[in-house]
Amino acid sequence: MFRPGTDETNVQYEDVLCNFCRRAWDPDDPARPLIEGHHGSHLCGECLSLAYLAIVHEGKSDHQPEQACTMCLEAREDESWRSPEFSDAVLCRRCVKQSATALEKDKDYTWKRPSA
């Protein structure tokens, strides 16, 4: 997501926010990467770690039928994680796994899948 009032012809790093915690992206912080989903959605590494722990290791799910994932925009039947701060921000299991794979491969960041 983008900070309200962002000039779409001149987007700055601080205008890019994680949809799940609403914190601005800092590209100089290798421990806090950001991955982009559909239609300008974004997920930071910290929120991805929380979602990964909840879904993959703890088997938790905040799935609600017909609620679309913020990242892929699909209403999937698999497990999902809901932001503890913003209930409209939901991440499906597939996007958790795909985001984890993508961030681990990105040499600009030090993000790793959290262990149980």
PDB file of N, CA and C in Angstrom:
ATOM      1  N   MET A   1       0.846  -1.161   0.000  1.00  0.00           N
ATOM      2  CA  MET A   1       0.000   0.000   0.000  1.00  0.00           C
ATOM      3  C   MET A   1       0.893   1.225   0.000  1.00  0.00           C
ATOM      4  N   PHE A   2       0.283   2.344  -0.288  1.00  0.00           N
ATOM      5  CA  PHE A   2       1.024   3.593  -0.302  1.00  0.00           C
ATOM      6  C   PHE A   2       0.440   4.544   0.731  1.00  0.00           C
ATOM      7  N   ARG A   3       1.312   5.345   1.272  1.00  0.00           N
ATOM      8  CA  ARG A   3       0.883   6.352   2.243  1.00  0.00           C
ATOM      9  C   ARG A   3      -0.197   7.232   1.602  1.00  0.00           C
ATOM     10  N   PRO A   4      -1.252   7.560   2.355  1.00  0.00           N
ATOM     11  CA  PRO A   4      -2.282   8.443   1.796  1.00  0.00           C
ATOM     12  C   PRO A   4      -1.663   9.755   1.306  1.00  0.00           C
ATOM     13  N   GLY A   5      -2.088  10.184   0.142  1.00  0.00           N
ATOM     14  CA  GLY A   5      -1.586  11.419  -0.444  1.00  0.00           C
ATOM     15  C   GLY A   5      -0.325  11.248  -1.271  1.00  0.00           C
ATOM     16  N   THR A   6       0.113  10.001  -1.495  1.00  0.00           N
ATOM     17  CA  THR A   6       1.316   9.748  -2.278  1.00  0.00           C
ATOM     18  C   THR A   6       1.136  10.226  -3.710  1.00  0.00           C
ATOM     19  N   ASP A   7       2.123  10.941  -4.207  1.00  0.00           N
ATOM     20  CA  ASP A   7       2.139  11.371  -5.604  1.00  0.00           C
ATOM     21  C   ASP A   7       2.588  10.171  -6.434  1.00  0.00           C
ATOM     22  N   GLU A   8       1.667   9.546  -7.151  1.00  0.00           N
ATOM     23  CA  GLU A   8       1.976   8.323  -7.893  1.00  0.00           C
ATOM     24  C   GLU A   8       2.982   8.534  -9.024  1.00  0.00           C
ATOM     25  N   THR A   9       3.253   9.779  -9.376  1.00  0.00           N
ATOM     26  CA  THR A   9       4.270  10.047 -10.397  1.00  0.00           C
ATOM     27  C   THR A   9       5.637  10.272  -9.763  1.00  0.00           C
ATOM     28  N   ASN A  10       5.687  10.286  -8.410  1.00  0.00           N
ATOM     29  CA  ASN A  10       6.945  10.523  -7.707  1.00  0.00           C
ATOM     30  C   ASN A  10       6.947   9.774  -6.371  1.00  0.00           C
ATOM     31  N   VAL A  11       6.798   8.464  -6.418  1.00  0.00           N
ATOM     32  CA  VAL A  11       6.729   7.650  -5.203  1.00  0.00           C
ATOM     33  C   VAL A  11       8.116   7.574  -4.567  1.00  0.00           C
ATOM     34  N   GLN A  12       8.187   7.861  -3.283  1.00  0.00           N
ATOM     35  CA  GLN A  12       9.420   7.786  -2.514  1.00  0.00           C
ATOM     36  C   GLN A  12       9.395   6.527  -1.650  1.00  0.00           C
ATOM     37  N   TYR A  13      10.554   6.073  -1.189  1.00  0.00           N
ATOM     38  CA  TYR A  13      10.604   4.874  -0.355  1.00  0.00           C
ATOM     39  C   TYR A  13       9.679   4.968   0.850  1.00  0.00           C
ATOM     40  N   GLU A  14       9.671   6.119   1.496  1.00  0.00           N
ATOM     41  CA  GLU A  14       8.840   6.279   2.698  1.00  0.00           C
ATOM     42  C   GLU A  14       7.340   6.281   2.395  1.00  0.00           C
ATOM     43  N   ASP A  15       6.967   6.345   1.118  1.00  0.00           N
ATOM     44  CA  ASP A  15       5.558   6.265   0.722  1.00  0.00           C
ATOM     45  C   ASP A  15       5.062   4.822   0.643  1.00  0.00           C
ATOM     46  N   VAL A  16       5.984   3.867   0.580  1.00  0.00           N
ATOM     47  CA  VAL A  16       5.632   2.458   0.433  1.00  0.00           C
ATOM     48  C   VAL A  16       5.479   1.847   1.827  1.00  0.00           C
ATOM     49  N   LEU A  17       4.278   1.343   2.117  1.00  0.00           N
ATOM     50  CA  LEU A  17       3.970   0.799   3.438  1.00  0.00           C
ATOM     51  C   LEU A  17       3.618  -0.678   3.357  1.00  0.00           C
ATOM     52  N   CYS A  18       3.966  -1.406   4.407  1.00  0.00           N
ATOM     53  CA  CYS A  18       3.520  -2.789   4.533  1.00  0.00           C
ATOM     54  C   CYS A  18       2.027  -2.759   4.832  1.00  0.00           C
ATOM     55  N   ASN A  19       1.237  -3.538   4.121  1.00  0.00           N
ATOM     56  CA  ASN A  19      -0.211  -3.583   4.352  1.00  0.00           C
ATOM     57  C   ASN A  19      -0.570  -4.165   5.714  1.00  0.00           C
ATOM     58  N   PHE A  20       0.347  -4.901   6.328  1.00  0.00           N
ATOM     59  CA  PHE A  20       0.038  -5.654   7.536  1.00  0.00           C
ATOM     60  C   PHE A  20       0.442  -4.945   8.827  1.00  0.00           C
ATOM     61  N   CYS A  21       1.436  -4.040   8.766  1.00  0.00           N
ATOM     62  CA  CYS A  21       1.834  -3.270   9.954  1.00  0.00           C
ATOM     63  C   CYS A  21       1.836  -1.768   9.697  1.00  0.00           C
ATOM     64  N   ARG A  22       1.740  -1.376   8.434  1.00  0.00           N
ATOM     65  CA  ARG A  22       1.668   0.020   7.986  1.00  0.00           C
ATOM     66  C   ARG A  22       2.966   0.803   8.218  1.00  0.00           C
ATOM     67  N   ARG A  23       4.076   0.087   8.422  1.00  0.00           N
ATOM     68  CA  ARG A  23       5.356   0.777   8.561  1.00  0.00           C
ATOM     69  C   ARG A  23       5.965   1.009   7.190  1.00  0.00           C
ATOM     70  N   ALA A  24       6.682   2.112   7.062  1.00  0.00           N
ATOM     71  CA  ALA A  24       7.311   2.476   5.794  1.00  0.00           C
ATOM     72  C   ALA A  24       8.504   1.575   5.505  1.00  0.00           C
ATOM     73  N   TRP A  25       8.760   1.372   4.239  1.00  0.00           N
ATOM     74  CA  TRP A  25       9.886   0.575   3.782  1.00  0.00           C
ATOM     75  C   TRP A  25      11.167   1.379   3.910  1.00  0.00           C
ATOM     76  N   ASP A  26      12.200   0.752   4.414  1.00  0.00           N
ATOM     77  CA  ASP A  26      13.533   1.340   4.463  1.00  0.00           C
ATOM     78  C   ASP A  26      14.450   0.415   3.672  1.00  0.00           C
ATOM     79  N   PRO A  27      14.763   0.764   2.432  1.00  0.00           N
ATOM     80  CA  PRO A  27      15.569  -0.131   1.589  1.00  0.00           C
ATOM     81  C   PRO A  27      16.992  -0.322   2.110  1.00  0.00           C
ATOM     82  N   ASP A  28      17.430   0.519   3.047  1.00  0.00           N
ATOM     83  CA  ASP A  28      18.771   0.402   3.600  1.00  0.00           C
ATOM     84  C   ASP A  28      18.832  -0.548   4.794  1.00  0.00           C
ATOM     85  N   ASP A  29      17.690  -1.096   5.190  1.00  0.00           N
ATOM     86  CA  ASP A  29      17.648  -2.025   6.317  1.00  0.00           C
ATOM     87  C   ASP A  29      17.541  -3.449   5.770  1.00  0.00           C
ATOM     88  N   PRO A  30      18.671  -4.175   5.675  1.00  0.00           N
ATOM     89  CA  PRO A  30      18.647  -5.514   5.082  1.00  0.00           C
ATOM     90  C   PRO A  30      17.857  -6.533   5.912  1.00  0.00           C
ATOM     91  N   ALA A  31      17.584  -6.207   7.160  1.00  0.00           N
ATOM     92  CA  ALA A  31      16.818  -7.124   8.007  1.00  0.00           C
ATOM     93  C   ALA A  31      15.316  -6.919   7.849  1.00  0.00           C
ATOM     94  N   ARG A  32      14.901  -5.884   7.135  1.00  0.00           N
ATOM     95  CA  ARG A  32      13.474  -5.591   6.985  1.00  0.00           C
ATOM     96  C   ARG A  32      13.102  -5.416   5.512  1.00  0.00           C
ATOM     97  N   PRO A  33      13.123  -6.503   4.756  1.00  0.00           N
ATOM     98  CA  PRO A  33      12.781  -6.427   3.338  1.00  0.00           C
ATOM     99  C   PRO A  33      11.288  -6.233   3.120  1.00  0.00           C
ATOM    100  N   LEU A  34      10.945  -5.969   1.887  1.00  0.00           N
ATOM    101  CA  LEU A  34       9.546  -5.792   1.513  1.00  0.00           C
ATOM    102  C   LEU A  34       9.316  -6.527   0.202  1.00  0.00           C
ATOM    103  N   ILE A  35       8.182  -7.204   0.111  1.00  0.00           N
ATOM    104  CA  ILE A  35       7.838  -7.904  -1.125  1.00  0.00           C
ATOM    105  C   ILE A  35       6.499  -7.360  -1.615  1.00  0.00           C
ATOM    106  N   GLU A  36       6.349  -7.258  -2.926  1.00  0.00           N
ATOM    107  CA  GLU A  36       5.149  -6.662  -3.506  1.00  0.00           C
ATOM    108  C   GLU A  36       4.196  -7.736  -4.010  1.00  0.00           C
ATOM    109  N   GLY A  37       2.916  -7.509  -3.756  1.00  0.00           N
ATOM    110  CA  GLY A  37       1.863  -8.376  -4.259  1.00  0.00           C
ATOM    111  C   GLY A  37       1.115  -7.675  -5.379  1.00  0.00           C
ATOM    112  N   HIS A  38      -0.133  -8.054  -5.574  1.00  0.00           N
ATOM    113  CA  HIS A  38      -0.953  -7.465  -6.632  1.00  0.00           C
ATOM    114  C   HIS A  38      -1.500  -6.098  -6.228  1.00  0.00           C
ATOM    115  N   HIS A  39      -1.671  -5.245  -7.210  1.00  0.00           N
ATOM    116  CA  HIS A  39      -2.308  -3.936  -7.051  1.00  0.00           C
ATOM    117  C   HIS A  39      -1.705  -3.103  -5.927  1.00  0.00           C
ATOM    118  N   GLY A  40      -0.370  -3.111  -5.829  1.00  0.00           N
ATOM    119  CA  GLY A  40       0.313  -2.245  -4.869  1.00  0.00           C
ATOM    120  C   GLY A  40       0.298  -2.731  -3.437  1.00  0.00           C
ATOM    121  N   SER A  41      -0.005  -3.997  -3.211  1.00  0.00           N
ATOM    122  CA  SER A  41       0.062  -4.516  -1.842  1.00  0.00           C
ATOM    123  C   SER A  41       1.517  -4.848  -1.514  1.00  0.00           C
ATOM    124  N   HIS A  42       1.881  -4.717  -0.239  1.00  0.00           N
ATOM    125  CA  HIS A  42       3.247  -4.967   0.198  1.00  0.00           C
ATOM    126  C   HIS A  42       3.255  -5.722   1.518  1.00  0.00           C
ATOM    127  N   LEU A  43       4.288  -6.530   1.709  1.00  0.00           N
ATOM    128  CA  LEU A  43       4.456  -7.337   2.910  1.00  0.00           C
ATOM    129  C   LEU A  43       5.899  -7.220   3.356  1.00  0.00           C
ATOM    130  N   CYS A  44       6.118  -6.801   4.612  1.00  0.00           N
ATOM    131  CA  CYS A  44       7.487  -6.691   5.117  1.00  0.00           C
ATOM    132  C   CYS A  44       7.950  -8.032   5.686  1.00  0.00           C
ATOM    133  N   GLY A  45       9.244  -8.178   5.834  1.00  0.00           N
ATOM    134  CA  GLY A  45       9.830  -9.406   6.349  1.00  0.00           C
ATOM    135  C   GLY A  45       9.390  -9.731   7.767  1.00  0.00           C
ATOM    136  N   GLU A  46       9.185  -8.723   8.596  1.00  0.00           N
ATOM    137  CA  GLU A  46       8.743  -8.965   9.974  1.00  0.00           C
ATOM    138  C   GLU A  46       7.342  -9.574   9.995  1.00  0.00           C
ATOM    139  N   CYS A  47       6.446  -9.037   9.201  1.00  0.00           N
ATOM    140  CA  CYS A  47       5.086  -9.583   9.144  1.00  0.00           C
ATOM    141  C   CYS A  47       5.087 -10.968   8.505  1.00  0.00           C
ATOM    142  N   LEU A  48       5.931 -11.166   7.493  1.00  0.00           N
ATOM    143  CA  LEU A  48       6.042 -12.487   6.883  1.00  0.00           C
ATOM    144  C   LEU A  48       6.515 -13.510   7.915  1.00  0.00           C
ATOM    145  N   SER A  49       7.464 -13.136   8.748  1.00  0.00           N
ATOM    146  CA  SER A  49       7.951 -14.047   9.787  1.00  0.00           C
ATOM    147  C   SER A  49       6.829 -14.431  10.750  1.00  0.00           C
ATOM    148  N   LEU A  50       6.023 -13.460  11.152  1.00  0.00           N
ATOM    149  CA  LEU A  50       4.897 -13.746  12.046  1.00  0.00           C
ATOM    150  C   LEU A  50       3.898 -14.694  11.381  1.00  0.00           C
ATOM    151  N   ALA A  51       3.584 -14.428  10.124  1.00  0.00           N
ATOM    152  CA  ALA A  51       2.637 -15.269   9.393  1.00  0.00           C
ATOM    153  C   ALA A  51       3.189 -16.669   9.197  1.00  0.00           C
ATOM    154  N   TYR A  52       4.462 -16.764   8.865  1.00  0.00           N
ATOM    155  CA  TYR A  52       5.094 -18.067   8.639  1.00  0.00           C
ATOM    156  C   TYR A  52       5.058 -18.904   9.919  1.00  0.00           C
ATOM    157  N   LEU A  53       5.434 -18.296  11.034  1.00  0.00           N
ATOM    158  CA  LEU A  53       5.398 -19.012  12.318  1.00  0.00           C
ATOM    159  C   LEU A  53       3.992 -19.503  12.633  1.00  0.00           C
ATOM    160  N   ALA A  54       3.009 -18.625  12.470  1.00  0.00           N
ATOM    161  CA  ALA A  54       1.625 -18.968  12.813  1.00  0.00           C
ATOM    162  C   ALA A  54       1.079 -20.095  11.937  1.00  0.00           C
ATOM    163  N   ILE A  55       1.246 -19.984  10.641  1.00  0.00           N
ATOM    164  CA  ILE A  55       0.649 -20.953   9.718  1.00  0.00           C
ATOM    165  C   ILE A  55       1.470 -22.237   9.603  1.00  0.00           C
ATOM    166  N   VAL A  56       2.752 -22.106   9.352  1.00  0.00           N
ATOM    167  CA  VAL A  56       3.584 -23.277   9.067  1.00  0.00           C
ATOM    168  C   VAL A  56       3.967 -24.040  10.333  1.00  0.00           C
ATOM    169  N   HIS A  57       4.395 -23.322  11.364  1.00  0.00           N
ATOM    170  CA  HIS A  57       4.891 -24.008  12.560  1.00  0.00           C
ATOM    171  C   HIS A  57       3.833 -24.252  13.632  1.00  0.00           C
ATOM    172  N   GLU A  58       2.898 -23.321  13.786  1.00  0.00           N
ATOM    173  CA  GLU A  58       1.915 -23.443  14.864  1.00  0.00           C
ATOM    174  C   GLU A  58       0.572 -23.977  14.393  1.00  0.00           C
ATOM    175  N   GLY A  59       0.391 -24.065  13.078  1.00  0.00           N
ATOM    176  CA  GLY A  59      -0.860 -24.590  12.528  1.00  0.00           C
ATOM    177  C   GLY A  59      -2.071 -23.709  12.782  1.00  0.00           C
ATOM    178  N   LYS A  60      -1.853 -22.428  13.025  1.00  0.00           N
ATOM    179  CA  LYS A  60      -2.963 -21.507  13.277  1.00  0.00           C
ATOM    180  C   LYS A  60      -3.527 -20.998  11.958  1.00  0.00           C
ATOM    181  N   SER A  61      -4.779 -20.589  12.009  1.00  0.00           N
ATOM    182  CA  SER A  61      -5.405 -20.023  10.817  1.00  0.00           C
ATOM    183  C   SER A  61      -6.522 -19.069  11.224  1.00  0.00           C
ATOM    184  N   ASP A  62      -6.555 -17.934  10.538  1.00  0.00           N
ATOM    185  CA  ASP A  62      -7.621 -16.955  10.723  1.00  0.00           C
ATOM    186  C   ASP A  62      -8.522 -16.947   9.499  1.00  0.00           C
ATOM    187  N   HIS A  63      -8.640 -18.095   8.862  1.00  0.00           N
ATOM    188  CA  HIS A  63      -9.407 -18.196   7.622  1.00  0.00           C
ATOM    189  C   HIS A  63     -10.877 -17.840   7.836  1.00  0.00           C
ATOM    190  N   GLN A  64     -11.380 -16.998   6.947  1.00  0.00           N
ATOM    191  CA  GLN A  64     -12.798 -16.681   6.897  1.00  0.00           C
ATOM    192  C   GLN A  64     -13.232 -16.867   5.451  1.00  0.00           C
ATOM    193  N   PRO A  65     -14.272 -17.654   5.229  1.00  0.00           N
ATOM    194  CA  PRO A  65     -14.709 -17.915   3.855  1.00  0.00           C
ATOM    195  C   PRO A  65     -14.938 -16.622   3.068  1.00  0.00           C
ATOM    196  N   GLU A  66     -14.500 -16.669   1.833  1.00  0.00           N
ATOM    197  CA  GLU A  66     -14.711 -15.589   0.870  1.00  0.00           C
ATOM    198  C   GLU A  66     -13.937 -14.316   1.158  1.00  0.00           C
ATOM    199  N   GLN A  67     -13.001 -14.324   2.127  1.00  0.00           N
ATOM    200  CA  GLN A  67     -12.166 -13.145   2.326  1.00  0.00           C
ATOM    201  C   GLN A  67     -10.894 -13.322   1.505  1.00  0.00           C
ATOM    202  N   ALA A  68     -10.611 -12.361   0.656  1.00  0.00           N
ATOM    203  CA  ALA A  68      -9.476 -12.454  -0.250  1.00  0.00           C
ATOM    204  C   ALA A  68      -8.165 -12.123   0.445  1.00  0.00           C
ATOM    205  N   CYS A  69      -7.125 -12.780   0.001  1.00  0.00           N
ATOM    206  CA  CYS A  69      -5.768 -12.506   0.461  1.00  0.00           C
ATOM    207  C   CYS A  69      -5.360 -11.121  -0.038  1.00  0.00           C
ATOM    208  N   THR A  70      -4.729 -10.357   0.804  1.00  0.00           N
ATOM    209  CA  THR A  70      -4.283  -9.010   0.456  1.00  0.00           C
ATOM    210  C   THR A  70      -3.224  -9.024  -0.640  1.00  0.00           C
ATOM    211  N   MET A  71      -2.416 -10.063  -0.687  1.00  0.00           N
ATOM    212  CA  MET A  71      -1.319 -10.119  -1.649  1.00  0.00           C
ATOM    213  C   MET A  71      -1.743 -10.659  -3.021  1.00  0.00           C
ATOM    214  N   CYS A  72      -2.483 -11.766  -3.062  1.00  0.00           N
ATOM    215  CA  CYS A  72      -2.842 -12.366  -4.359  1.00  0.00           C
ATOM    216  C   CYS A  72      -4.267 -12.024  -4.796  1.00  0.00           C
ATOM    217  N   LEU A  73      -5.047 -11.465  -3.898  1.00  0.00           N
ATOM    218  CA  LEU A  73      -6.424 -11.043  -4.158  1.00  0.00           C
ATOM    219  C   LEU A  73      -7.377 -12.203  -4.406  1.00  0.00           C
ATOM    220  N   GLU A  74      -6.979 -13.426  -4.013  1.00  0.00           N
ATOM    221  CA  GLU A  74      -7.827 -14.596  -4.187  1.00  0.00           C
ATOM    222  C   GLU A  74      -8.453 -15.010  -2.858  1.00  0.00           C
ATOM    223  N   ALA A  75      -9.697 -15.439  -2.911  1.00  0.00           N
ATOM    224  CA  ALA A  75     -10.364 -16.006  -1.732  1.00  0.00           C
ATOM    225  C   ALA A  75     -10.093 -17.502  -1.767  1.00  0.00           C
ATOM    226  N   ARG A  76      -9.054 -17.913  -1.080  1.00  0.00           N
ATOM    227  CA  ARG A  76      -8.619 -19.305  -1.115  1.00  0.00           C
ATOM    228  C   ARG A  76      -9.174 -20.060   0.084  1.00  0.00           C
ATOM    229  N   GLU A  77      -9.186 -21.384  -0.014  1.00  0.00           N
ATOM    230  CA  GLU A  77      -9.706 -22.230   1.064  1.00  0.00           C
ATOM    231  C   GLU A  77      -8.633 -22.650   2.062  1.00  0.00           C
ATOM    232  N   ASP A  78      -7.369 -22.346   1.767  1.00  0.00           N
ATOM    233  CA  ASP A  78      -6.305 -22.775   2.671  1.00  0.00           C
ATOM    234  C   ASP A  78      -6.179 -21.842   3.880  1.00  0.00           C
ATOM    235  N   GLU A  79      -5.247 -22.155   4.771  1.00  0.00           N
ATOM    236  CA  GLU A  79      -5.070 -21.363   5.975  1.00  0.00           C
ATOM    237  C   GLU A  79      -4.700 -19.925   5.622  1.00  0.00           C
ATOM    238  N   SER A  80      -4.981 -19.026   6.536  1.00  0.00           N
ATOM    239  CA  SER A  80      -4.590 -17.638   6.333  1.00  0.00           C
ATOM    240  C   SER A  80      -4.197 -17.012   7.667  1.00  0.00           C
ATOM    241  N   TRP A  81      -3.450 -15.949   7.569  1.00  0.00           N
ATOM    242  CA  TRP A  81      -2.992 -15.186   8.730  1.00  0.00           C
ATOM    243  C   TRP A  81      -3.544 -13.781   8.613  1.00  0.00           C
ATOM    244  N   ARG A  82      -4.065 -13.259   9.694  1.00  0.00           N
ATOM    245  CA  ARG A  82      -4.624 -11.916   9.724  1.00  0.00           C
ATOM    246  C   ARG A  82      -3.703 -11.031  10.560  1.00  0.00           C
ATOM    247  N   SER A  83      -3.429  -9.853  10.071  1.00  0.00           N
ATOM    248  CA  SER A  83      -2.611  -8.907  10.820  1.00  0.00           C
ATOM    249  C   SER A  83      -3.239  -8.661  12.191  1.00  0.00           C
ATOM    250  N   PRO A  84      -2.458  -8.706  13.260  1.00  0.00           N
ATOM    251  CA  PRO A  84      -3.019  -8.423  14.580  1.00  0.00           C
ATOM    252  C   PRO A  84      -3.411  -6.954  14.748  1.00  0.00           C
ATOM    253  N   GLU A  85      -2.882  -6.095  13.893  1.00  0.00           N
ATOM    254  CA  GLU A  85      -3.163  -4.663  13.992  1.00  0.00           C
ATOM    255  C   GLU A  85      -4.263  -4.182  13.044  1.00  0.00           C
ATOM    256  N   PHE A  86      -4.359  -4.823  11.877  1.00  0.00           N
ATOM    257  CA  PHE A  86      -5.283  -4.359  10.838  1.00  0.00           C
ATOM    258  C   PHE A  86      -6.056  -5.560  10.297  1.00  0.00           C
ATOM    259  N   SER A  87      -7.274  -5.728  10.748  1.00  0.00           N
ATOM    260  CA  SER A  87      -8.046  -6.937  10.445  1.00  0.00           C
ATOM    261  C   SER A  87      -8.379  -7.098   8.959  1.00  0.00           C
ATOM    262  N   ASP A  88      -8.245  -6.045   8.174  1.00  0.00           N
ATOM    263  CA  ASP A  88      -8.522  -6.156   6.748  1.00  0.00           C
ATOM    264  C   ASP A  88      -7.332  -6.729   5.971  1.00  0.00           C
ATOM    265  N   ALA A  89      -6.182  -6.887   6.632  1.00  0.00           N
ATOM    266  CA  ALA A  89      -4.983  -7.401   5.986  1.00  0.00           C
ATOM    267  C   ALA A  89      -4.842  -8.892   6.278  1.00  0.00           C
ATOM    268  N   VAL A  90      -5.023  -9.711   5.231  1.00  0.00           N
ATOM    269  CA  VAL A  90      -5.021 -11.168   5.353  1.00  0.00           C
ATOM    270  C   VAL A  90      -4.021 -11.749   4.357  1.00  0.00           C
ATOM    271  N   LEU A  91      -3.306 -12.793   4.790  1.00  0.00           N
ATOM    272  CA  LEU A  91      -2.293 -13.425   3.959  1.00  0.00           C
ATOM    273  C   LEU A  91      -2.564 -14.923   3.888  1.00  0.00           C
ATOM    274  N   CYS A  92      -2.730 -15.456   2.680  1.00  0.00           N
ATOM    275  CA  CYS A  92      -3.002 -16.889   2.525  1.00  0.00           C
ATOM    276  C   CYS A  92      -1.713 -17.701   2.632  1.00  0.00           C
ATOM    277  N   ARG A  93      -1.863 -18.984   2.906  1.00  0.00           N
ATOM    278  CA  ARG A  93      -0.715 -19.888   3.054  1.00  0.00           C
ATOM    279  C   ARG A  93       0.160 -19.890   1.800  1.00  0.00           C
ATOM    280  N   ARG A  94      -0.459 -19.910   0.633  1.00  0.00           N
ATOM    281  CA  ARG A  94       0.318 -19.925  -0.607  1.00  0.00           C
ATOM    282  C   ARG A  94       1.211 -18.688  -0.708  1.00  0.00           C
ATOM    283  N   CYS A  95       0.677 -17.522  -0.370  1.00  0.00           N
ATOM    284  CA  CYS A  95       1.480 -16.296  -0.438  1.00  0.00           C
ATOM    285  C   CYS A  95       2.564 -16.270   0.640  1.00  0.00           C
ATOM    286  N   VAL A  96       2.283 -16.860   1.786  1.00  0.00           N
ATOM    287  CA  VAL A  96       3.310 -16.983   2.827  1.00  0.00           C
ATOM    288  C   VAL A  96       4.486 -17.779   2.274  1.00  0.00           C
ATOM    289  N   LYS A  97       4.196 -18.928   1.680  1.00  0.00           N
ATOM    290  CA  LYS A  97       5.254 -19.806   1.171  1.00  0.00           C
ATOM    291  C   LYS A  97       5.996 -19.166  -0.015  1.00  0.00           C
ATOM    292  N   GLN A  98       5.258 -18.568  -0.952  1.00  0.00           N
ATOM    293  CA  GLN A  98       5.893 -17.936  -2.110  1.00  0.00           C
ATOM    294  C   GLN A  98       6.751 -16.751  -1.691  1.00  0.00           C
ATOM    295  N   SER A  99       6.251 -15.945  -0.758  1.00  0.00           N
ATOM    296  CA  SER A  99       7.008 -14.785  -0.285  1.00  0.00           C
ATOM    297  C   SER A  99       8.274 -15.222   0.434  1.00  0.00           C
ATOM    298  N   ALA A 100       8.171 -16.274   1.241  1.00  0.00           N
ATOM    299  CA  ALA A 100       9.342 -16.791   1.952  1.00  0.00           C
ATOM    300  C   ALA A 100      10.414 -17.259   0.959  1.00  0.00           C
ATOM    301  N   THR A 101       9.995 -17.969  -0.062  1.00  0.00           N
ATOM    302  CA  THR A 101      10.940 -18.446  -1.071  1.00  0.00           C
ATOM    303  C   THR A 101      11.607 -17.276  -1.789  1.00  0.00           C
ATOM    304  N   ALA A 102      10.820 -16.283  -2.173  1.00  0.00           N
ATOM    305  CA  ALA A 102      11.364 -15.125  -2.893  1.00  0.00           C
ATOM    306  C   ALA A 102      12.339 -14.330  -2.034  1.00  0.00           C
ATOM    307  N   LEU A 103      11.985 -14.074  -0.781  1.00  0.00           N
ATOM    308  CA  LEU A 103      12.867 -13.272   0.069  1.00  0.00           C
ATOM    309  C   LEU A 103      14.152 -14.008   0.423  1.00  0.00           C
ATOM    310  N   GLU A 104      14.083 -15.314   0.592  1.00  0.00           N
ATOM    311  CA  GLU A 104      15.304 -16.071   0.880  1.00  0.00           C
ATOM    312  C   GLU A 104      16.284 -16.040  -0.292  1.00  0.00           C
ATOM    313  N   LYS A 105      15.780 -15.945  -1.498  1.00  0.00           N
ATOM    314  CA  LYS A 105      16.636 -15.918  -2.685  1.00  0.00           C
ATOM    315  C   LYS A 105      17.217 -14.535  -2.968  1.00  0.00           C
ATOM    316  N   ASP A 106      16.625 -13.500  -2.393  1.00  0.00           N
ATOM    317  CA  ASP A 106      17.054 -12.126  -2.668  1.00  0.00           C
ATOM    318  C   ASP A 106      18.361 -11.834  -1.931  1.00  0.00           C
ATOM    319  N   LYS A 107      19.433 -11.642  -2.673  1.00  0.00           N
ATOM    320  CA  LYS A 107      20.760 -11.440  -2.094  1.00  0.00           C
ATOM    321  C   LYS A 107      20.924 -10.089  -1.400  1.00  0.00           C
ATOM    322  N   ASP A 108      19.981  -9.168  -1.618  1.00  0.00           N
ATOM    323  CA  ASP A 108      20.062  -7.863  -0.975  1.00  0.00           C
ATOM    324  C   ASP A 108      19.592  -7.890   0.479  1.00  0.00           C
ATOM    325  N   TYR A 109      18.977  -8.998   0.878  1.00  0.00           N
ATOM    326  CA  TYR A 109      18.421  -9.076   2.226  1.00  0.00           C
ATOM    327  C   TYR A 109      18.930 -10.302   2.962  1.00  0.00           C
ATOM    328  N   THR A 110      18.784 -10.269   4.271  1.00  0.00           N
ATOM    329  CA  THR A 110      19.251 -11.370   5.119  1.00  0.00           C
ATOM    330  C   THR A 110      18.084 -12.179   5.681  1.00  0.00           C
ATOM    331  N   TRP A 111      16.890 -12.006   5.120  1.00  0.00           N
ATOM    332  CA  TRP A 111      15.696 -12.680   5.662  1.00  0.00           C
ATOM    333  C   TRP A 111      15.817 -14.181   5.487  1.00  0.00           C
ATOM    334  N   LYS A 112      15.479 -14.915   6.538  1.00  0.00           N
ATOM    335  CA  LYS A 112      15.429 -16.372   6.518  1.00  0.00           C
ATOM    336  C   LYS A 112      14.115 -16.829   7.147  1.00  0.00           C
ATOM    337  N   ARG A 113      13.625 -17.983   6.717  1.00  0.00           N
ATOM    338  CA  ARG A 113      12.402 -18.548   7.307  1.00  0.00           C
ATOM    339  C   ARG A 113      12.638 -18.776   8.800  1.00  0.00           C
ATOM    340  N   PRO A 114      11.685 -18.380   9.605  1.00  0.00           N
ATOM    341  CA  PRO A 114      11.851 -18.625  11.043  1.00  0.00           C
ATOM    342  C   PRO A 114      11.694 -20.120  11.347  1.00  0.00           C
ATOM    343  N   SER A 115      12.467 -20.577  12.303  1.00  0.00           N
ATOM    344  CA  SER A 115      12.349 -21.978  12.708  1.00  0.00           C
ATOM    345  C   SER A 115      11.354 -22.085  13.846  1.00  0.00           C
ATOM    346  N   ALA A 116      10.873 -23.288  14.055  1.00  0.00           N
ATOM    347  CA  ALA A 116       9.834 -23.520  15.075  1.00  0.00           C
ATOM    348  C   ALA A 116      10.352 -23.234  16.467  1.00  0.00           C
TER     349      ALA A 116
END
